[in-house]
Amino acid sequence: MPAYCTPADLEARFGLAELFQLAPGAAGAPDAVRVQRACDDAGDLVDGYLRPRHTLPLSTVPRILVQLSAAIARYDLHLGGDRQPTDQVVKARDQALAFLRDVASGKADLGLGPDATDPAEDAGGVILQAGEAAGVTFADRDEFRGWR
């Protein structure tokens, strides 16, 4: 199965310096094999949660799956040697897994139609974003509207 996030996605989200620190390679670049393996492993884990409700591979990959798999891959890269993931990295991974568990149980939806090609239209379900699955409500969001 193809990965939902790529090394380029990880670099865009977390920066080249962090990738190099977590997977040092030659000539000042991250170890491409190790970073790709983290992306692939995260994709395999995501597939395990999606398989009960979706036909794989998905023909359309929702952006939230890129975000979730990137959080999981980042966590995996933080493991090993004397490295330990930060609380922020652990929390992001835990929130990703919680949302994926909700998808697997039918409590959350990826916004895909039954054939996983188009966003669901009038499906009668509720599409949750990652924050909502983690317990952030619309009221909480309204409270912070306009905050910067």
C-alpha atoms as a PDB file:
ATOM      1  CA  MET A   1       0.000   0.000   0.000  1.00  0.00           C
ATOM      2  CA  PRO A   2       1.262   3.503  -0.707  1.00  0.00           C
ATOM      3  CA  ALA A   3       1.982   5.759   2.253  1.00  0.00           C
ATOM      4  CA  TYR A   4      -0.467   8.557   3.027  1.00  0.00           C
ATOM      5  CA  CYS A   5       2.340  10.977   3.836  1.00  0.00           C
ATOM      6  CA  THR A   6       5.670  11.402   2.091  1.00  0.00           C
ATOM      7  CA  PRO A   7       9.084  12.555   3.272  1.00  0.00           C
ATOM      8  CA  ALA A   8       8.272  15.882   1.585  1.00  0.00           C
ATOM      9  CA  ASP A   9       5.103  16.149   3.705  1.00  0.00           C
ATOM     10  CA  LEU A  10       7.146  15.547   6.862  1.00  0.00           C
ATOM     11  CA  GLU A  11       9.681  18.174   5.814  1.00  0.00           C
ATOM     12  CA  ALA A  12       6.928  20.706   5.090  1.00  0.00           C
ATOM     13  CA  ARG A  13       5.243  20.063   8.434  1.00  0.00           C
ATOM     14  CA  PHE A  14       8.204  19.630  10.762  1.00  0.00           C
ATOM     15  CA  GLY A  15      11.232  21.066   8.967  1.00  0.00           C
ATOM     16  CA  LEU A  16      14.377  19.663   7.445  1.00  0.00           C
ATOM     17  CA  ALA A  17      16.398  20.253  10.611  1.00  0.00           C
ATOM     18  CA  GLU A  18      14.097  18.022  12.680  1.00  0.00           C
ATOM     19  CA  LEU A  19      14.158  15.265  10.069  1.00  0.00           C
ATOM     20  CA  PHE A  20      17.942  15.373   9.950  1.00  0.00           C
ATOM     21  CA  GLN A  21      18.137  15.264  13.742  1.00  0.00           C
ATOM     22  CA  LEU A  22      15.832  12.225  13.879  1.00  0.00           C
ATOM     23  CA  ALA A  23      17.265  10.375  10.871  1.00  0.00           C
ATOM     24  CA  PRO A  24      20.763  11.688  10.140  1.00  0.00           C
ATOM     25  CA  GLY A  25      22.104  10.704   6.757  1.00  0.00           C
ATOM     26  CA  ALA A  26      25.045  11.559   4.575  1.00  0.00           C
ATOM     27  CA  ALA A  27      25.924  15.052   3.353  1.00  0.00           C
ATOM     28  CA  GLY A  28      23.659  16.842   5.826  1.00  0.00           C
ATOM     29  CA  ALA A  29      20.459  15.306   4.483  1.00  0.00           C
ATOM     30  CA  PRO A  30      18.033  13.053   6.371  1.00  0.00           C
ATOM     31  CA  ASP A  31      18.338   9.309   5.825  1.00  0.00           C
ATOM     32  CA  ALA A  32      15.794   8.952   2.998  1.00  0.00           C
ATOM     33  CA  VAL A  33      15.297   5.212   3.582  1.00  0.00           C
ATOM     34  CA  ARG A  34      14.527   5.632   7.289  1.00  0.00           C
ATOM     35  CA  VAL A  35      12.149   8.551   6.690  1.00  0.00           C
ATOM     36  CA  GLN A  36      10.335   6.672   3.908  1.00  0.00           C
ATOM     37  CA  ARG A  37      10.055   3.583   6.133  1.00  0.00           C
ATOM     38  CA  ALA A  38       8.424   5.704   8.859  1.00  0.00           C
ATOM     39  CA  CYS A  39       5.926   7.009   6.283  1.00  0.00           C
ATOM     40  CA  ASP A  40       5.223   3.491   5.006  1.00  0.00           C
ATOM     41  CA  ASP A  41       4.806   2.088   8.529  1.00  0.00           C
ATOM     42  CA  ALA A  42       2.404   4.903   9.425  1.00  0.00           C
ATOM     43  CA  GLY A  43       0.417   4.179   6.253  1.00  0.00           C
ATOM     44  CA  ASP A  44       0.185   0.498   7.148  1.00  0.00           C
ATOM     45  CA  LEU A  45      -1.090   1.394  10.613  1.00  0.00           C
ATOM     46  CA  VAL A  46      -3.679   3.786   9.162  1.00  0.00           C
ATOM     47  CA  ASP A  47      -4.829   1.077   6.738  1.00  0.00           C
ATOM     48  CA  GLY A  48      -5.449  -1.234   9.685  1.00  0.00           C
ATOM     49  CA  TYR A  49      -7.987   1.246  11.043  1.00  0.00           C
ATOM     50  CA  LEU A  50      -9.549   2.014   7.656  1.00  0.00           C
ATOM     51  CA  ARG A  51      -9.889  -1.551   6.370  1.00  0.00           C
ATOM     52  CA  PRO A  52     -13.103  -2.380   8.302  1.00  0.00           C
ATOM     53  CA  ARG A  53     -14.998   0.534   6.695  1.00  0.00           C
ATOM     54  CA  HIS A  54     -13.268   1.331   3.409  1.00  0.00           C
ATOM     55  CA  THR A  55     -12.063  -0.487   0.324  1.00  0.00           C
ATOM     56  CA  LEU A  56      -8.318  -0.057   0.066  1.00  0.00           C
ATOM     57  CA  PRO A  57      -6.394   1.458  -1.522  1.00  0.00           C
ATOM     58  CA  LEU A  58      -8.417   4.651  -1.369  1.00  0.00           C
ATOM     59  CA  SER A  59      -8.777   6.325  -4.734  1.00  0.00           C
ATOM     60  CA  THR A  60      -8.935   9.724  -3.027  1.00  0.00           C
ATOM     61  CA  VAL A  61      -6.799  10.471   0.019  1.00  0.00           C
ATOM     62  CA  PRO A  62      -8.371  13.002   2.375  1.00  0.00           C
ATOM     63  CA  ARG A  63      -5.929  15.610   3.699  1.00  0.00           C
ATOM     64  CA  ILE A  64      -6.655  14.511   7.235  1.00  0.00           C
ATOM     65  CA  LEU A  65      -5.010  11.156   6.487  1.00  0.00           C
ATOM     66  CA  VAL A  66      -1.835  12.970   5.452  1.00  0.00           C
ATOM     67  CA  GLN A  67      -1.937  14.901   8.723  1.00  0.00           C
ATOM     68  CA  LEU A  68      -2.626  11.814  10.855  1.00  0.00           C
ATOM     69  CA  SER A  69      -0.037   9.614   9.194  1.00  0.00           C
ATOM     70  CA  ALA A  70       2.554  12.407   9.418  1.00  0.00           C
ATOM     71  CA  ALA A  71       1.979  12.603  13.191  1.00  0.00           C
ATOM     72  CA  ILE A  72       2.418   8.837  13.471  1.00  0.00           C
ATOM     73  CA  ALA A  73       5.546   8.795  11.274  1.00  0.00           C
ATOM     74  CA  ARG A  74       7.055  11.672  13.270  1.00  0.00           C
ATOM     75  CA  TYR A  75       6.484   9.735  16.488  1.00  0.00           C
ATOM     76  CA  ASP A  76       8.152   6.651  15.006  1.00  0.00           C
ATOM     77  CA  LEU A  77      11.164   8.711  13.970  1.00  0.00           C
ATOM     78  CA  HIS A  78      11.500   9.991  17.539  1.00  0.00           C
ATOM     79  CA  LEU A  79      12.022   6.437  18.808  1.00  0.00           C
ATOM     80  CA  GLY A  80      15.413   4.783  18.948  1.00  0.00           C
ATOM     81  CA  GLY A  81      18.818   5.404  20.371  1.00  0.00           C
ATOM     82  CA  ASP A  82      18.677   7.835  23.264  1.00  0.00           C
ATOM     83  CA  ARG A  83      15.804   9.817  21.723  1.00  0.00           C
ATOM     84  CA  GLN A  84      12.425  10.073  23.388  1.00  0.00           C
ATOM     85  CA  PRO A  85       9.398  11.736  21.809  1.00  0.00           C
ATOM     86  CA  THR A  86       8.369  15.042  23.320  1.00  0.00           C
ATOM     87  CA  ASP A  87       4.989  15.408  25.012  1.00  0.00           C
ATOM     88  CA  GLN A  88       3.776  17.326  21.938  1.00  0.00           C
ATOM     89  CA  VAL A  89       4.789  14.478  19.595  1.00  0.00           C
ATOM     90  CA  VAL A  90       3.181  11.857  21.853  1.00  0.00           C
ATOM     91  CA  LYS A  91      -0.033  13.907  22.111  1.00  0.00           C
ATOM     92  CA  ALA A  92      -0.256  14.353  18.334  1.00  0.00           C
ATOM     93  CA  ARG A  93       0.229  10.614  17.787  1.00  0.00           C
ATOM     94  CA  ASP A  94      -2.342   9.762  20.471  1.00  0.00           C
ATOM     95  CA  GLN A  95      -4.879  12.157  18.918  1.00  0.00           C
ATOM     96  CA  ALA A  96      -4.257  10.618  15.489  1.00  0.00           C
ATOM     97  CA  LEU A  97      -4.846   7.115  16.847  1.00  0.00           C
ATOM     98  CA  ALA A  98      -7.980   8.235  18.722  1.00  0.00           C
ATOM     99  CA  PHE A  99      -9.435   9.695  15.536  1.00  0.00           C
ATOM    100  CA  LEU A 100      -8.559   6.533  13.592  1.00  0.00           C
ATOM    101  CA  ARG A 101     -10.249   4.395  16.264  1.00  0.00           C
ATOM    102  CA  ASP A 102     -13.330   6.598  15.872  1.00  0.00           C
ATOM    103  CA  VAL A 103     -13.227   6.077  12.099  1.00  0.00           C
ATOM    104  CA  ALA A 104     -12.937   2.317  12.564  1.00  0.00           C
ATOM    105  CA  SER A 105     -15.887   2.252  14.970  1.00  0.00           C
ATOM    106  CA  GLY A 106     -18.038   4.516  12.807  1.00  0.00           C
ATOM    107  CA  LYS A 107     -18.012   7.469  15.235  1.00  0.00           C
ATOM    108  CA  ALA A 108     -16.046   9.625  12.783  1.00  0.00           C
ATOM    109  CA  ASP A 109     -16.076   9.862   9.019  1.00  0.00           C
ATOM    110  CA  LEU A 110     -13.386  10.703   6.506  1.00  0.00           C
ATOM    111  CA  GLY A 111     -15.907  12.434   4.274  1.00  0.00           C
ATOM    112  CA  LEU A 112     -15.626   9.829   1.546  1.00  0.00           C
ATOM    113  CA  GLY A 113     -18.575   8.417  -0.328  1.00  0.00           C
ATOM    114  CA  PRO A 114     -19.318   4.689  -0.249  1.00  0.00           C
ATOM    115  CA  ASP A 115     -16.946   4.006  -3.137  1.00  0.00           C
ATOM    116  CA  ALA A 116     -14.238   6.210  -1.541  1.00  0.00           C
ATOM    117  CA  THR A 117     -14.012   8.402  -4.609  1.00  0.00           C
ATOM    118  CA  ASP A 118     -15.993  11.504  -3.710  1.00  0.00           C
ATOM    119  CA  PRO A 119     -16.920  13.347  -0.544  1.00  0.00           C
ATOM    120  CA  ALA A 120     -20.112  12.002   0.931  1.00  0.00           C
ATOM    121  CA  GLU A 121     -23.168  14.025  -0.042  1.00  0.00           C
ATOM    122  CA  ASP A 122     -26.263  13.892   2.109  1.00  0.00           C
ATOM    123  CA  ALA A 123     -24.987  10.745   3.787  1.00  0.00           C
ATOM    124  CA  GLY A 124     -26.621  11.794   7.031  1.00  0.00           C
ATOM    125  CA  GLY A 125     -23.414  11.348   8.993  1.00  0.00           C
ATOM    126  CA  VAL A 126     -21.291  13.789  10.875  1.00  0.00           C
ATOM    127  CA  ILE A 127     -17.797  14.530   9.695  1.00  0.00           C
ATOM    128  CA  LEU A 128     -15.508  15.179  12.633  1.00  0.00           C
ATOM    129  CA  GLN A 129     -12.206  16.961  12.467  1.00  0.00           C
ATOM    130  CA  ALA A 130      -9.273  15.729  14.529  1.00  0.00           C
ATOM    131  CA  GLY A 131      -9.847  18.295  17.279  1.00  0.00           C
ATOM    132  CA  GLU A 132     -13.470  17.276  17.662  1.00  0.00           C
ATOM    133  CA  ALA A 133     -12.526  13.612  17.999  1.00  0.00           C
ATOM    134  CA  ALA A 134     -10.115  14.631  20.740  1.00  0.00           C
ATOM    135  CA  GLY A 135     -12.858  16.366  22.727  1.00  0.00           C
ATOM    136  CA  VAL A 136     -12.747  19.915  21.363  1.00  0.00           C
ATOM    137  CA  THR A 137     -16.311  21.087  20.764  1.00  0.00           C
ATOM    138  CA  PHE A 138     -17.762  23.656  18.436  1.00  0.00           C
ATOM    139  CA  ALA A 139     -18.383  25.832  21.502  1.00  0.00           C
ATOM    140  CA  ASP A 140     -14.668  25.680  22.331  1.00  0.00           C
ATOM    141  CA  ARG A 141     -13.866  26.701  18.800  1.00  0.00           C
ATOM    142  CA  ASP A 142     -16.273  29.644  18.944  1.00  0.00           C
ATOM    143  CA  GLU A 143     -14.669  30.777  22.182  1.00  0.00           C
ATOM    144  CA  PHE A 144     -11.322  31.150  20.421  1.00  0.00           C
ATOM    145  CA  ARG A 145     -12.617  32.636  17.177  1.00  0.00           C
ATOM    146  CA  GLY A 146     -10.548  35.660  16.249  1.00  0.00           C
ATOM    147  CA  TRP A 147      -7.824  34.833  18.786  1.00  0.00           C
ATOM    148  CA  ARG A 148      -4.288  35.221  17.472  1.00  0.00           C
END
